[in-house]
Amino acid sequence: MGQQPPPPPGSERRQTHRVELLAQVQLRRGDGEVFLLPVSNISAGGAFLRLERGVAISSLVVGDQVDIFLDLGASQTLDLAAQVLRIDVQGGDGRVAGIGLRWTSQDPAVKSRLESALKHLG
């Protein structure tokens, strides 16, 4: 049995269900710089944050370790460690400009809180 070929460009490669979400998050870099960005969708594996026109993120690069703070209301907040996987400042060709993140926390309590929040959201 040979190895399967990679999926074609632009195809669905997500391993977890995504929930559409209209909320703002605080993205904090290790040096303390903070960005306030809208969430497009979130899953147990990561999130996609939209980039609005005029938002300057030039100091953020792929591979950066960041912290995400998300207030879901009803006294439910999430503080998640993540890695920047993709930054698309232009969008186009059916893509939305934004930042792709992957959660990096290995803490079972954090994962449990995230999964519980996702069940309530979607």
PDB file of N, CA and C in Angstrom:
ATOM      1  N   MET A   1       0.829  -1.189   0.000  1.00  0.00           N
ATOM      2  CA  MET A   1       0.000   0.000   0.000  1.00  0.00           C
ATOM      3  C   MET A   1       0.867   1.243   0.000  1.00  0.00           C
ATOM      4  N   GLY A   2       0.634   2.094  -0.959  1.00  0.00           N
ATOM      5  CA  GLY A   2       1.398   3.330  -1.046  1.00  0.00           C
ATOM      6  C   GLY A   2       0.755   4.447  -0.232  1.00  0.00           C
ATOM      7  N   GLN A   3       1.488   5.492  -0.100  1.00  0.00           N
ATOM      8  CA  GLN A   3       0.999   6.658   0.616  1.00  0.00           C
ATOM      9  C   GLN A   3      -0.004   7.412  -0.249  1.00  0.00           C
ATOM     10  N   GLN A   4      -1.068   7.954   0.372  1.00  0.00           N
ATOM     11  CA  GLN A   4      -2.062   8.706  -0.386  1.00  0.00           C
ATOM     12  C   GLN A   4      -1.482  10.039  -0.814  1.00  0.00           C
ATOM     13  N   PRO A   5      -1.846  10.505  -2.007  1.00  0.00           N
ATOM     14  CA  PRO A   5      -1.352  11.813  -2.452  1.00  0.00           C
ATOM     15  C   PRO A   5      -1.982  12.912  -1.608  1.00  0.00           C
ATOM     16  N   PRO A   6      -1.315  14.064  -1.512  1.00  0.00           N
ATOM     17  CA  PRO A   6      -1.882  15.174  -0.746  1.00  0.00           C
ATOM     18  C   PRO A   6      -3.159  15.679  -1.420  1.00  0.00           C
ATOM     19  N   PRO A   7      -4.044  16.308  -0.639  1.00  0.00           N
ATOM     20  CA  PRO A   7      -5.272  16.838  -1.238  1.00  0.00           C
ATOM     21  C   PRO A   7      -4.945  17.964  -2.209  1.00  0.00           C
ATOM     22  N   PRO A   8      -5.803  18.186  -3.200  1.00  0.00           N
ATOM     23  CA  PRO A   8      -5.549  19.270  -4.155  1.00  0.00           C
ATOM     24  C   PRO A   8      -5.607  20.625  -3.451  1.00  0.00           C
ATOM     25  N   PRO A   9      -4.890  21.628  -3.957  1.00  0.00           N
ATOM     26  CA  PRO A   9      -4.913  22.962  -3.359  1.00  0.00           C
ATOM     27  C   PRO A   9      -6.345  23.470  -3.241  1.00  0.00           C
ATOM     28  N   GLY A  10      -6.649  24.078  -2.100  1.00  0.00           N
ATOM     29  CA  GLY A  10      -7.964  24.660  -1.885  1.00  0.00           C
ATOM     30  C   GLY A  10      -9.000  23.666  -1.391  1.00  0.00           C
ATOM     31  N   SER A  11      -8.631  22.386  -1.287  1.00  0.00           N
ATOM     32  CA  SER A  11      -9.605  21.395  -0.826  1.00  0.00           C
ATOM     33  C   SER A  11      -9.670  21.393   0.702  1.00  0.00           C
ATOM     34  N   GLU A  12     -10.697  20.778   1.226  1.00  0.00           N
ATOM     35  CA  GLU A  12     -10.915  20.703   2.665  1.00  0.00           C
ATOM     36  C   GLU A  12      -9.909  19.756   3.305  1.00  0.00           C
ATOM     37  N   ARG A  13      -9.114  20.256   4.248  1.00  0.00           N
ATOM     38  CA  ARG A  13      -8.132  19.429   4.935  1.00  0.00           C
ATOM     39  C   ARG A  13      -8.350  19.414   6.441  1.00  0.00           C
ATOM     40  N   ARG A  14      -9.384  20.064   6.915  1.00  0.00           N
ATOM     41  CA  ARG A  14      -9.638  20.145   8.349  1.00  0.00           C
ATOM     42  C   ARG A  14     -10.011  18.775   8.897  1.00  0.00           C
ATOM     43  N   GLN A  15      -9.533  18.507  10.098  1.00  0.00           N
ATOM     44  CA  GLN A  15      -9.831  17.234  10.735  1.00  0.00           C
ATOM     45  C   GLN A  15     -10.924  17.365  11.787  1.00  0.00           C
ATOM     46  N   THR A  16     -11.327  18.581  12.123  1.00  0.00           N
ATOM     47  CA  THR A  16     -12.352  18.792  13.140  1.00  0.00           C
ATOM     48  C   THR A  16     -13.435  19.717  12.593  1.00  0.00           C
ATOM     49  N   HIS A  17     -14.653  19.535  13.110  1.00  0.00           N
ATOM     50  CA  HIS A  17     -15.796  20.342  12.693  1.00  0.00           C
ATOM     51  C   HIS A  17     -15.607  21.796  13.126  1.00  0.00           C
ATOM     52  N   ARG A  18     -15.879  22.717  12.232  1.00  0.00           N
ATOM     53  CA  ARG A  18     -15.769  24.142  12.541  1.00  0.00           C
ATOM     54  C   ARG A  18     -17.132  24.732  12.816  1.00  0.00           C
ATOM     55  N   VAL A  19     -17.162  25.676  13.753  1.00  0.00           N
ATOM     56  CA  VAL A  19     -18.379  26.382  14.124  1.00  0.00           C
ATOM     57  C   VAL A  19     -18.215  27.836  13.709  1.00  0.00           C
ATOM     58  N   GLU A  20     -19.170  28.336  12.914  1.00  0.00           N
ATOM     59  CA  GLU A  20     -19.148  29.754  12.552  1.00  0.00           C
ATOM     60  C   GLU A  20     -19.426  30.557  13.816  1.00  0.00           C
ATOM     61  N   LEU A  21     -18.724  31.658  13.982  1.00  0.00           N
ATOM     62  CA  LEU A  21     -18.843  32.427  15.214  1.00  0.00           C
ATOM     63  C   LEU A  21     -18.681  33.908  14.914  1.00  0.00           C
ATOM     64  N   LEU A  22     -19.584  34.707  15.432  1.00  0.00           N
ATOM     65  CA  LEU A  22     -19.471  36.157  15.327  1.00  0.00           C
ATOM     66  C   LEU A  22     -19.039  36.684  16.682  1.00  0.00           C
ATOM     67  N   ALA A  23     -17.761  36.879  16.848  1.00  0.00           N
ATOM     68  CA  ALA A  23     -17.205  37.352  18.118  1.00  0.00           C
ATOM     69  C   ALA A  23     -15.859  37.995  17.834  1.00  0.00           C
ATOM     70  N   GLN A  24     -15.349  38.694  18.824  1.00  0.00           N
ATOM     71  CA  GLN A  24     -14.019  39.290  18.743  1.00  0.00           C
ATOM     72  C   GLN A  24     -13.094  38.533  19.697  1.00  0.00           C
ATOM     73  N   VAL A  25     -11.849  38.407  19.327  1.00  0.00           N
ATOM     74  CA  VAL A  25     -10.855  37.819  20.220  1.00  0.00           C
ATOM     75  C   VAL A  25      -9.704  38.797  20.401  1.00  0.00           C
ATOM     76  N   GLN A  26      -9.019  38.630  21.504  1.00  0.00           N
ATOM     77  CA  GLN A  26      -7.749  39.321  21.694  1.00  0.00           C
ATOM     78  C   GLN A  26      -6.662  38.323  21.342  1.00  0.00           C
ATOM     79  N   LEU A  27      -5.820  38.679  20.405  1.00  0.00           N
ATOM     80  CA  LEU A  27      -4.662  37.873  20.054  1.00  0.00           C
ATOM     81  C   LEU A  27      -3.459  38.573  20.664  1.00  0.00           C
ATOM     82  N   ARG A  28      -2.753  37.868  21.567  1.00  0.00           N
ATOM     83  CA  ARG A  28      -1.595  38.448  22.243  1.00  0.00           C
ATOM     84  C   ARG A  28      -0.329  37.725  21.827  1.00  0.00           C
ATOM     85  N   ARG A  29       0.633  38.514  21.391  1.00  0.00           N
ATOM     86  CA  ARG A  29       1.956  37.962  21.086  1.00  0.00           C
ATOM     87  C   ARG A  29       2.767  37.871  22.368  1.00  0.00           C
ATOM     88  N   GLY A  30       3.843  37.108  22.318  1.00  0.00           N
ATOM     89  CA  GLY A  30       4.711  36.938  23.483  1.00  0.00           C
ATOM     90  C   GLY A  30       5.327  38.232  23.981  1.00  0.00           C
ATOM     91  N   ASP A  31       5.494  39.211  23.101  1.00  0.00           N
ATOM     92  CA  ASP A  31       6.093  40.486  23.503  1.00  0.00           C
ATOM     93  C   ASP A  31       5.059  41.449  24.084  1.00  0.00           C
ATOM     94  N   GLY A  32       3.798  40.988  24.196  1.00  0.00           N
ATOM     95  CA  GLY A  32       2.762  41.825  24.787  1.00  0.00           C
ATOM     96  C   GLY A  32       1.906  42.572  23.785  1.00  0.00           C
ATOM     97  N   GLU A  33       2.277  42.575  22.508  1.00  0.00           N
ATOM     98  CA  GLU A  33       1.468  43.258  21.499  1.00  0.00           C
ATOM     99  C   GLU A  33       0.117  42.554  21.394  1.00  0.00           C
ATOM    100  N   VAL A  34      -0.968  43.333  21.328  1.00  0.00           N
ATOM    101  CA  VAL A  34      -2.323  42.788  21.296  1.00  0.00           C
ATOM    102  C   VAL A  34      -3.045  43.262  20.047  1.00  0.00           C
ATOM    103  N   PHE A  35      -3.762  42.329  19.399  1.00  0.00           N
ATOM    104  CA  PHE A  35      -4.615  42.640  18.257  1.00  0.00           C
ATOM    105  C   PHE A  35      -6.034  42.243  18.633  1.00  0.00           C
ATOM    106  N   LEU A  36      -7.016  43.051  18.300  1.00  0.00           N
ATOM    107  CA  LEU A  36      -8.425  42.716  18.480  1.00  0.00           C
ATOM    108  C   LEU A  36      -8.971  42.365  17.102  1.00  0.00           C
ATOM    109  N   LEU A  37      -9.366  41.092  16.916  1.00  0.00           N
ATOM    110  CA  LEU A  37      -9.757  40.597  15.603  1.00  0.00           C
ATOM    111  C   LEU A  37     -11.066  39.818  15.665  1.00  0.00           C
ATOM    112  N   PRO A  38     -11.878  39.873  14.603  1.00  0.00           N
ATOM    113  CA  PRO A  38     -13.109  39.075  14.559  1.00  0.00           C
ATOM    114  C   PRO A  38     -12.806  37.618  14.208  1.00  0.00           C
ATOM    115  N   VAL A  39     -13.539  36.717  14.859  1.00  0.00           N
ATOM    116  CA  VAL A  39     -13.434  35.289  14.574  1.00  0.00           C
ATOM    117  C   VAL A  39     -14.360  34.963  13.416  1.00  0.00           C
ATOM    118  N   SER A  40     -13.885  34.171  12.487  1.00  0.00           N
ATOM    119  CA  SER A  40     -14.730  33.678  11.412  1.00  0.00           C
ATOM    120  C   SER A  40     -15.295  32.314  11.800  1.00  0.00           C
ATOM    121  N   ASN A  41     -14.414  31.431  12.269  1.00  0.00           N
ATOM    122  CA  ASN A  41     -14.853  30.123  12.742  1.00  0.00           C
ATOM    123  C   ASN A  41     -13.839  29.566  13.727  1.00  0.00           C
ATOM    124  N   ILE A  42     -14.297  28.571  14.492  1.00  0.00           N
ATOM    125  CA  ILE A  42     -13.481  27.981  15.543  1.00  0.00           C
ATOM    126  C   ILE A  42     -13.770  26.491  15.607  1.00  0.00           C
ATOM    127  N   SER A  43     -12.768  25.713  15.988  1.00  0.00           N
ATOM    128  CA  SER A  43     -12.951  24.265  16.126  1.00  0.00           C
ATOM    129  C   SER A  43     -12.064  23.777  17.258  1.00  0.00           C
ATOM    130  N   ALA A  44     -12.128  22.473  17.523  1.00  0.00           N
ATOM    131  CA  ALA A  44     -11.264  21.882  18.542  1.00  0.00           C
ATOM    132  C   ALA A  44      -9.806  21.931  18.110  1.00  0.00           C
ATOM    133  N   GLY A  45      -9.546  22.128  16.821  1.00  0.00           N
ATOM    134  CA  GLY A  45      -8.175  22.154  16.317  1.00  0.00           C
ATOM    135  C   GLY A  45      -7.579  23.533  16.146  1.00  0.00           C
ATOM    136  N   GLY A  46      -8.434  24.569  16.008  1.00  0.00           N
ATOM    137  CA  GLY A  46      -7.906  25.907  15.781  1.00  0.00           C
ATOM    138  C   GLY A  46      -9.014  26.886  15.459  1.00  0.00           C
ATOM    139  N   ALA A  47      -8.625  28.000  14.851  1.00  0.00           N
ATOM    140  CA  ALA A  47      -9.589  29.048  14.515  1.00  0.00           C
ATOM    141  C   ALA A  47      -9.100  29.814  13.303  1.00  0.00           C
ATOM    142  N   PHE A  48     -10.022  30.519  12.679  1.00  0.00           N
ATOM    143  CA  PHE A  48      -9.674  31.438  11.603  1.00  0.00           C
ATOM    144  C   PHE A  48     -10.182  32.819  11.994  1.00  0.00           C
ATOM    145  N   LEU A  49      -9.274  33.780  12.046  1.00  0.00           N
ATOM    146  CA  LEU A  49      -9.594  35.156  12.406  1.00  0.00           C
ATOM    147  C   LEU A  49      -9.573  36.005  11.149  1.00  0.00           C
ATOM    148  N   ARG A  50     -10.635  36.783  10.941  1.00  0.00           N
ATOM    149  CA  ARG A  50     -10.710  37.637   9.756  1.00  0.00           C
ATOM    150  C   ARG A  50      -9.832  38.871   9.947  1.00  0.00           C
ATOM    151  N   LEU A  51      -9.259  39.317   8.854  1.00  0.00           N
ATOM    152  CA  LEU A  51      -8.514  40.574   8.844  1.00  0.00           C
ATOM    153  C   LEU A  51      -9.344  41.620   8.126  1.00  0.00           C
ATOM    154  N   GLU A  52      -9.666  42.668   8.818  1.00  0.00           N
ATOM    155  CA  GLU A  52     -10.416  43.775   8.239  1.00  0.00           C
ATOM    156  C   GLU A  52      -9.438  44.726   7.554  1.00  0.00           C
ATOM    157  N   ARG A  53      -9.935  45.458   6.581  1.00  0.00           N
ATOM    158  CA  ARG A  53      -9.087  46.446   5.891  1.00  0.00           C
ATOM    159  C   ARG A  53      -8.509  47.435   6.892  1.00  0.00           C
ATOM    160  N   GLY A  54      -7.252  47.738   6.715  1.00  0.00           N
ATOM    161  CA  GLY A  54      -6.602  48.734   7.550  1.00  0.00           C
ATOM    162  C   GLY A  54      -6.006  48.195   8.840  1.00  0.00           C
ATOM    163  N   VAL A  55      -6.211  46.904   9.144  1.00  0.00           N
ATOM    164  CA  VAL A  55      -5.618  46.330  10.356  1.00  0.00           C
ATOM    165  C   VAL A  55      -4.165  45.987  10.047  1.00  0.00           C
ATOM    166  N   ALA A  56      -3.251  46.595  10.773  1.00  0.00           N
ATOM    167  CA  ALA A  56      -1.821  46.370  10.558  1.00  0.00           C
ATOM    168  C   ALA A  56      -1.351  45.215  11.433  1.00  0.00           C
ATOM    169  N   ILE A  57      -0.853  44.163  10.819  1.00  0.00           N
ATOM    170  CA  ILE A  57      -0.350  43.009  11.564  1.00  0.00           C
ATOM    171  C   ILE A  57       1.057  42.642  11.096  1.00  0.00           C
ATOM    172  N   SER A  58       1.795  43.608  10.618  1.00  0.00           N
ATOM    173  CA  SER A  58       3.092  43.328   9.999  1.00  0.00           C
ATOM    174  C   SER A  58       4.066  42.639  10.955  1.00  0.00           C
ATOM    175  N   SER A  59       3.876  42.795  12.258  1.00  0.00           N
ATOM    176  CA  SER A  59       4.800  42.169  13.200  1.00  0.00           C
ATOM    177  C   SER A  59       4.449  40.705  13.465  1.00  0.00           C
ATOM    178  N   LEU A  60       3.324  40.237  12.976  1.00  0.00           N
ATOM    179  CA  LEU A  60       2.898  38.860  13.175  1.00  0.00           C
ATOM    180  C   LEU A  60       3.375  38.018  11.998  1.00  0.00           C
ATOM    181  N   VAL A  61       3.998  36.873  12.292  1.00  0.00           N
ATOM    182  CA  VAL A  61       4.500  36.013  11.220  1.00  0.00           C
ATOM    183  C   VAL A  61       4.076  34.566  11.457  1.00  0.00           C
ATOM    184  N   VAL A  62       4.033  33.790  10.383  1.00  0.00           N
ATOM    185  CA  VAL A  62       3.729  32.376  10.472  1.00  0.00           C
ATOM    186  C   VAL A  62       4.740  31.721  11.411  1.00  0.00           C
ATOM    187  N   GLY A  63       4.224  30.888  12.311  1.00  0.00           N
ATOM    188  CA  GLY A  63       5.077  30.221  13.293  1.00  0.00           C
ATOM    189  C   GLY A  63       5.045  30.877  14.666  1.00  0.00           C
ATOM    190  N   ASP A  64       4.582  32.130  14.732  1.00  0.00           N
ATOM    191  CA  ASP A  64       4.496  32.813  16.024  1.00  0.00           C
ATOM    192  C   ASP A  64       3.614  32.038  16.988  1.00  0.00           C
ATOM    193  N   GLN A  65       4.019  32.014  18.246  1.00  0.00           N
ATOM    194  CA  GLN A  65       3.198  31.474  19.319  1.00  0.00           C
ATOM    195  C   GLN A  65       2.418  32.642  19.901  1.00  0.00           C
ATOM    196  N   VAL A  66       1.101  32.476  20.021  1.00  0.00           N
ATOM    197  CA  VAL A  66       0.239  33.559  20.499  1.00  0.00           C
ATOM    198  C   VAL A  66      -0.740  32.999  21.525  1.00  0.00           C
ATOM    199  N   ASP A  67      -1.366  33.895  22.260  1.00  0.00           N
ATOM    200  CA  ASP A  67      -2.446  33.538  23.172  1.00  0.00           C
ATOM    201  C   ASP A  67      -3.712  34.205  22.672  1.00  0.00           C
ATOM    202  N   ILE A  68      -4.803  33.464  22.722  1.00  0.00           N
ATOM    203  CA  ILE A  68      -6.099  33.954  22.270  1.00  0.00           C
ATOM    204  C   ILE A  68      -7.031  34.016  23.468  1.00  0.00           C
ATOM    205  N   PHE A  69      -7.644  35.172  23.670  1.00  0.00           N
ATOM    206  CA  PHE A  69      -8.644  35.322  24.725  1.00  0.00           C
ATOM    207  C   PHE A  69      -9.988  35.550  24.056  1.00  0.00           C
ATOM    208  N   LEU A  70     -10.942  34.688  24.356  1.00  0.00           N
ATOM    209  CA  LEU A  70     -12.268  34.742  23.749  1.00  0.00           C
ATOM    210  C   LEU A  70     -13.317  34.772  24.850  1.00  0.00           C
ATOM    211  N   ASP A  71     -14.139  35.815  24.851  1.00  0.00           N
ATOM    212  CA  ASP A  71     -15.228  35.950  25.809  1.00  0.00           C
ATOM    213  C   ASP A  71     -16.513  35.512  25.122  1.00  0.00           C
ATOM    214  N   LEU A  72     -17.090  34.400  25.587  1.00  0.00           N
ATOM    215  CA  LEU A  72     -18.296  33.850  24.975  1.00  0.00           C
ATOM    216  C   LEU A  72     -19.558  34.286  25.704  1.00  0.00           C
ATOM    217  N   GLY A  73     -19.428  35.171  26.666  1.00  0.00           N
ATOM    218  CA  GLY A  73     -20.588  35.619  27.438  1.00  0.00           C
ATOM    219  C   GLY A  73     -20.996  34.571  28.451  1.00  0.00           C
ATOM    220  N   ALA A  74     -22.020  34.881  29.236  1.00  0.00           N
ATOM    221  CA  ALA A  74     -22.538  33.962  30.260  1.00  0.00           C
ATOM    222  C   ALA A  74     -21.400  33.421  31.126  1.00  0.00           C
ATOM    223  N   SER A  75     -20.449  34.295  31.458  1.00  0.00           N
ATOM    224  CA  SER A  75     -19.306  33.935  32.317  1.00  0.00           C
ATOM    225  C   SER A  75     -18.426  32.836  31.736  1.00  0.00           C
ATOM    226  N   GLN A  76     -18.436  32.679  30.431  1.00  0.00           N
ATOM    227  CA  GLN A  76     -17.605  31.659  29.798  1.00  0.00           C
ATOM    228  C   GLN A  76     -16.527  32.340  28.962  1.00  0.00           C
ATOM    229  N   THR A  77     -15.281  32.130  29.364  1.00  0.00           N
ATOM    230  CA  THR A  77     -14.148  32.676  28.625  1.00  0.00           C
ATOM    231  C   THR A  77     -13.165  31.555  28.316  1.00  0.00           C
ATOM    232  N   LEU A  78     -12.437  31.737  27.248  1.00  0.00           N
ATOM    233  CA  LEU A  78     -11.392  30.789  26.869  1.00  0.00           C
ATOM    234  C   LEU A  78     -10.096  31.552  26.679  1.00  0.00           C
ATOM    235  N   ASP A  79      -9.029  31.030  27.242  1.00  0.00           N
ATOM    236  CA  ASP A  79      -7.692  31.580  27.054  1.00  0.00           C
ATOM    237  C   ASP A  79      -6.856  30.436  26.497  1.00  0.00           C
ATOM    238  N   LEU A  80      -6.513  30.524  25.202  1.00  0.00           N
ATOM    239  CA  LEU A  80      -5.927  29.401  24.484  1.00  0.00           C
ATOM    240  C   LEU A  80      -4.573  29.759  23.873  1.00  0.00           C
ATOM    241  N   ALA A  81      -3.613  28.844  24.005  1.00  0.00           N
ATOM    242  CA  ALA A  81      -2.324  29.001  23.333  1.00  0.00           C
ATOM    243  C   ALA A  81      -2.475  28.498  21.904  1.00  0.00           C
ATOM    244  N   ALA A  82      -1.857  29.210  20.965  1.00  0.00           N
ATOM    245  CA  ALA A  82      -1.984  28.836  19.553  1.00  0.00           C
ATOM    246  C   ALA A  82      -0.707  29.170  18.792  1.00  0.00           C
ATOM    247  N   GLN A  83      -0.605  28.569  17.623  1.00  0.00           N
ATOM    248  CA  GLN A  83       0.483  28.869  16.689  1.00  0.00           C
ATOM    249  C   GLN A  83      -0.143  29.404  15.408  1.00  0.00           C
ATOM    250  N   VAL A  84       0.472  30.446  14.859  1.00  0.00           N
ATOM    251  CA  VAL A  84       0.010  31.016  13.593  1.00  0.00           C
ATOM    252  C   VAL A  84       0.445  30.082  12.465  1.00  0.00           C
ATOM    253  N   LEU A  85      -0.541  29.546  11.735  1.00  0.00           N
ATOM    254  CA  LEU A  85      -0.260  28.635  10.619  1.00  0.00           C
ATOM    255  C   LEU A  85      -0.266  29.331   9.272  1.00  0.00           C
ATOM    256  N   ARG A  86      -1.123  30.361   9.165  1.00  0.00           N
ATOM    257  CA  ARG A  86      -1.282  31.015   7.860  1.00  0.00           C
ATOM    258  C   ARG A  86      -1.696  32.460   8.087  1.00  0.00           C
ATOM    259  N   ILE A  87      -1.167  33.336   7.264  1.00  0.00           N
ATOM    260  CA  ILE A  87      -1.594  34.733   7.246  1.00  0.00           C
ATOM    261  C   ILE A  87      -1.856  35.098   5.797  1.00  0.00           C
ATOM    262  N   ASP A  88      -3.075  35.521   5.527  1.00  0.00           N
ATOM    263  CA  ASP A  88      -3.462  35.936   4.174  1.00  0.00           C
ATOM    264  C   ASP A  88      -3.994  37.364   4.291  1.00  0.00           C
ATOM    265  N   VAL A  89      -3.166  38.345   3.959  1.00  0.00           N
ATOM    266  CA  VAL A  89      -3.571  39.740   4.133  1.00  0.00           C
ATOM    267  C   VAL A  89      -4.384  40.267   2.956  1.00  0.00           C
ATOM    268  N   GLN A  90      -4.374  39.566   1.830  1.00  0.00           N
ATOM    269  CA  GLN A  90      -5.064  40.041   0.641  1.00  0.00           C
ATOM    270  C   GLN A  90      -6.423  39.390   0.416  1.00  0.00           C
ATOM    271  N   GLY A  91      -6.547  38.100   0.718  1.00  0.00           N
ATOM    272  CA  GLY A  91      -7.768  37.382   0.351  1.00  0.00           C
ATOM    273  C   GLY A  91      -7.804  37.215  -1.156  1.00  0.00           C
ATOM    274  N   GLY A  92      -8.978  37.071  -1.717  1.00  0.00           N
ATOM    275  CA  GLY A  92      -9.129  36.923  -3.163  1.00  0.00           C
ATOM    276  C   GLY A  92      -9.289  35.477  -3.567  1.00  0.00           C
ATOM    277  N   ASP A  93      -9.730  35.252  -4.786  1.00  0.00           N
ATOM    278  CA  ASP A  93      -9.978  33.902  -5.308  1.00  0.00           C
ATOM    279  C   ASP A  93     -10.871  33.101  -4.373  1.00  0.00           C
ATOM    280  N   GLY A  94     -11.890  33.753  -3.809  1.00  0.00           N
ATOM    281  CA  GLY A  94     -12.815  33.079  -2.914  1.00  0.00           C
ATOM    282  C   GLY A  94     -12.342  32.957  -1.485  1.00  0.00           C
ATOM    283  N   ARG A  95     -11.132  33.443  -1.195  1.00  0.00           N
ATOM    284  CA  ARG A  95     -10.594  33.380   0.162  1.00  0.00           C
ATOM    285  C   ARG A  95     -10.849  34.686   0.896  1.00  0.00           C
ATOM    286  N   VAL A  96     -11.054  34.564   2.189  1.00  0.00           N
ATOM    287  CA  VAL A  96     -11.200  35.732   3.059  1.00  0.00           C
ATOM    288  C   VAL A  96      -9.832  36.046   3.652  1.00  0.00           C
ATOM    289  N   ALA A  97      -9.475  37.314   3.701  1.00  0.00           N
ATOM    290  CA  ALA A  97      -8.212  37.697   4.338  1.00  0.00           C
ATOM    291  C   ALA A  97      -8.286  37.341   5.817  1.00  0.00           C
ATOM    292  N   GLY A  98      -7.236  36.720   6.330  1.00  0.00           N
ATOM    293  CA  GLY A  98      -7.272  36.372   7.740  1.00  0.00           C
ATOM    294  C   GLY A  98      -6.064  35.583   8.205  1.00  0.00           C
ATOM    295  N   ILE A  99      -6.183  35.083   9.437  1.00  0.00           N
ATOM    296  CA  ILE A  99      -5.105  34.370  10.119  1.00  0.00           C
ATOM    297  C   ILE A  99      -5.614  33.000  10.536  1.00  0.00           C
ATOM    298  N   GLY A 100      -4.919  31.958  10.125  1.00  0.00           N
ATOM    299  CA  GLY A 100      -5.253  30.597  10.538  1.00  0.00           C
ATOM    300  C   GLY A 100      -4.418  30.216  11.743  1.00  0.00           C
ATOM    301  N   LEU A 101      -5.081  29.683  12.772  1.00  0.00           N
ATOM    302  CA  LEU A 101      -4.412  29.302  14.014  1.00  0.00           C
ATOM    303  C   LEU A 101      -4.619  27.826  14.316  1.00  0.00           C
ATOM    304  N   ARG A 102      -3.641  27.229  14.998  1.00  0.00           N
ATOM    305  CA  ARG A 102      -3.774  25.866  15.532  1.00  0.00           C
ATOM    306  C   ARG A 102      -3.543  25.940  17.033  1.00  0.00           C
ATOM    307  N   TRP A 103      -4.489  25.364  17.801  1.00  0.00           N
ATOM    308  CA  TRP A 103      -4.323  25.336  19.254  1.00  0.00           C
ATOM    309  C   TRP A 103      -3.129  24.460  19.605  1.00  0.00           C
ATOM    310  N   THR A 104      -2.343  24.884  20.585  1.00  0.00           N
ATOM    311  CA  THR A 104      -1.138  24.145  20.950  1.00  0.00           C
ATOM    312  C   THR A 104      -1.160  23.591  22.367  1.00  0.00           C
ATOM    313  N   SER A 105      -2.145  23.954  23.163  1.00  0.00           N
ATOM    314  CA  SER A 105      -2.202  23.479  24.544  1.00  0.00           C
ATOM    315  C   SER A 105      -2.418  21.971  24.586  1.00  0.00           C
ATOM    316  N   GLN A 106      -1.668  21.303  25.450  1.00  0.00           N
ATOM    317  CA  GLN A 106      -1.834  19.864  25.660  1.00  0.00           C
ATOM    318  C   GLN A 106      -2.578  19.583  26.961  1.00  0.00           C
ATOM    319  N   ASP A 107      -3.012  20.636  27.648  1.00  0.00           N
ATOM    320  CA  ASP A 107      -3.702  20.513  28.925  1.00  0.00           C
ATOM    321  C   ASP A 107      -5.107  19.951  28.707  1.00  0.00           C
ATOM    322  N   PRO A 108      -5.420  18.779  29.273  1.00  0.00           N
ATOM    323  CA  PRO A 108      -6.744  18.175  29.083  1.00  0.00           C
ATOM    324  C   PRO A 108      -7.889  19.067  29.581  1.00  0.00           C
ATOM    325  N   ALA A 109      -7.664  19.837  30.620  1.00  0.00           N
ATOM    326  CA  ALA A 109      -8.714  20.721  31.149  1.00  0.00           C
ATOM    327  C   ALA A 109      -9.053  21.812  30.134  1.00  0.00           C
ATOM    328  N   VAL A 110      -8.037  22.351  29.465  1.00  0.00           N
ATOM    329  CA  VAL A 110      -8.259  23.386  28.445  1.00  0.00           C
ATOM    330  C   VAL A 110      -9.017  22.787  27.265  1.00  0.00           C
ATOM    331  N   LYS A 111      -8.601  21.618  26.827  1.00  0.00           N
ATOM    332  CA  LYS A 111      -9.283  20.951  25.715  1.00  0.00           C
ATOM    333  C   LYS A 111     -10.737  20.657  26.060  1.00  0.00           C
ATOM    334  N   SER A 112     -10.989  20.230  27.279  1.00  0.00           N
ATOM    335  CA  SER A 112     -12.345  19.933  27.717  1.00  0.00           C
ATOM    336  C   SER A 112     -13.217  21.189  27.722  1.00  0.00           C
ATOM    337  N   ARG A 113     -12.681  22.303  28.217  1.00  0.00           N
ATOM    338  CA  ARG A 113     -13.424  23.563  28.231  1.00  0.00           C
ATOM    339  C   ARG A 113     -13.744  24.021  26.816  1.00  0.00           C
ATOM    340  N   LEU A 114     -12.784  23.872  25.905  1.00  0.00           N
ATOM    341  CA  LEU A 114     -13.006  24.255  24.510  1.00  0.00           C
ATOM    342  C   LEU A 114     -14.086  23.380  23.881  1.00  0.00           C
ATOM    343  N   GLU A 115     -14.001  22.078  24.061  1.00  0.00           N
ATOM    344  CA  GLU A 115     -14.996  21.175  23.482  1.00  0.00           C
ATOM    345  C   GLU A 115     -16.386  21.452  24.046  1.00  0.00           C
ATOM    346  N   SER A 116     -16.475  21.763  25.326  1.00  0.00           N
ATOM    347  CA  SER A 116     -17.757  22.093  25.942  1.00  0.00           C
ATOM    348  C   SER A 116     -18.323  23.381  25.332  1.00  0.00           C
ATOM    349  N   ALA A 117     -17.477  24.373  25.168  1.00  0.00           N
ATOM    350  CA  ALA A 117     -17.901  25.636  24.575  1.00  0.00           C
ATOM    351  C   ALA A 117     -18.386  25.415  23.136  1.00  0.00           C
ATOM    352  N   LEU A 118     -17.688  24.590  22.381  1.00  0.00           N
ATOM    353  CA  LEU A 118     -18.072  24.327  20.988  1.00  0.00           C
ATOM    354  C   LEU A 118     -19.420  23.626  20.904  1.00  0.00           C
ATOM    355  N   LYS A 119     -19.706  22.734  21.834  1.00  0.00           N
ATOM    356  CA  LYS A 119     -21.015  22.065  21.844  1.00  0.00           C
ATOM    357  C   LYS A 119     -22.134  23.084  22.042  1.00  0.00           C
ATOM    358  N   HIS A 120     -21.900  24.067  22.903  1.00  0.00           N
ATOM    359  CA  HIS A 120     -22.917  25.085  23.163  1.00  0.00           C
ATOM    360  C   HIS A 120     -23.071  26.038  21.975  1.00  0.00           C
ATOM    361  N   LEU A 121     -21.986  26.240  21.237  1.00  0.00           N
ATOM    362  CA  LEU A 121     -22.009  27.166  20.106  1.00  0.00           C
ATOM    363  C   LEU A 121     -22.625  26.554  18.853  1.00  0.00           C
ATOM    364  N   GLY A 122     -22.392  25.267  18.664  1.00  0.00           N
ATOM    365  CA  GLY A 122     -22.792  24.733  17.383  1.00  0.00           C
ATOM    366  C   GLY A 122     -23.569  23.502  17.442  1.00  0.00           C
TER     367      GLY A 122
END
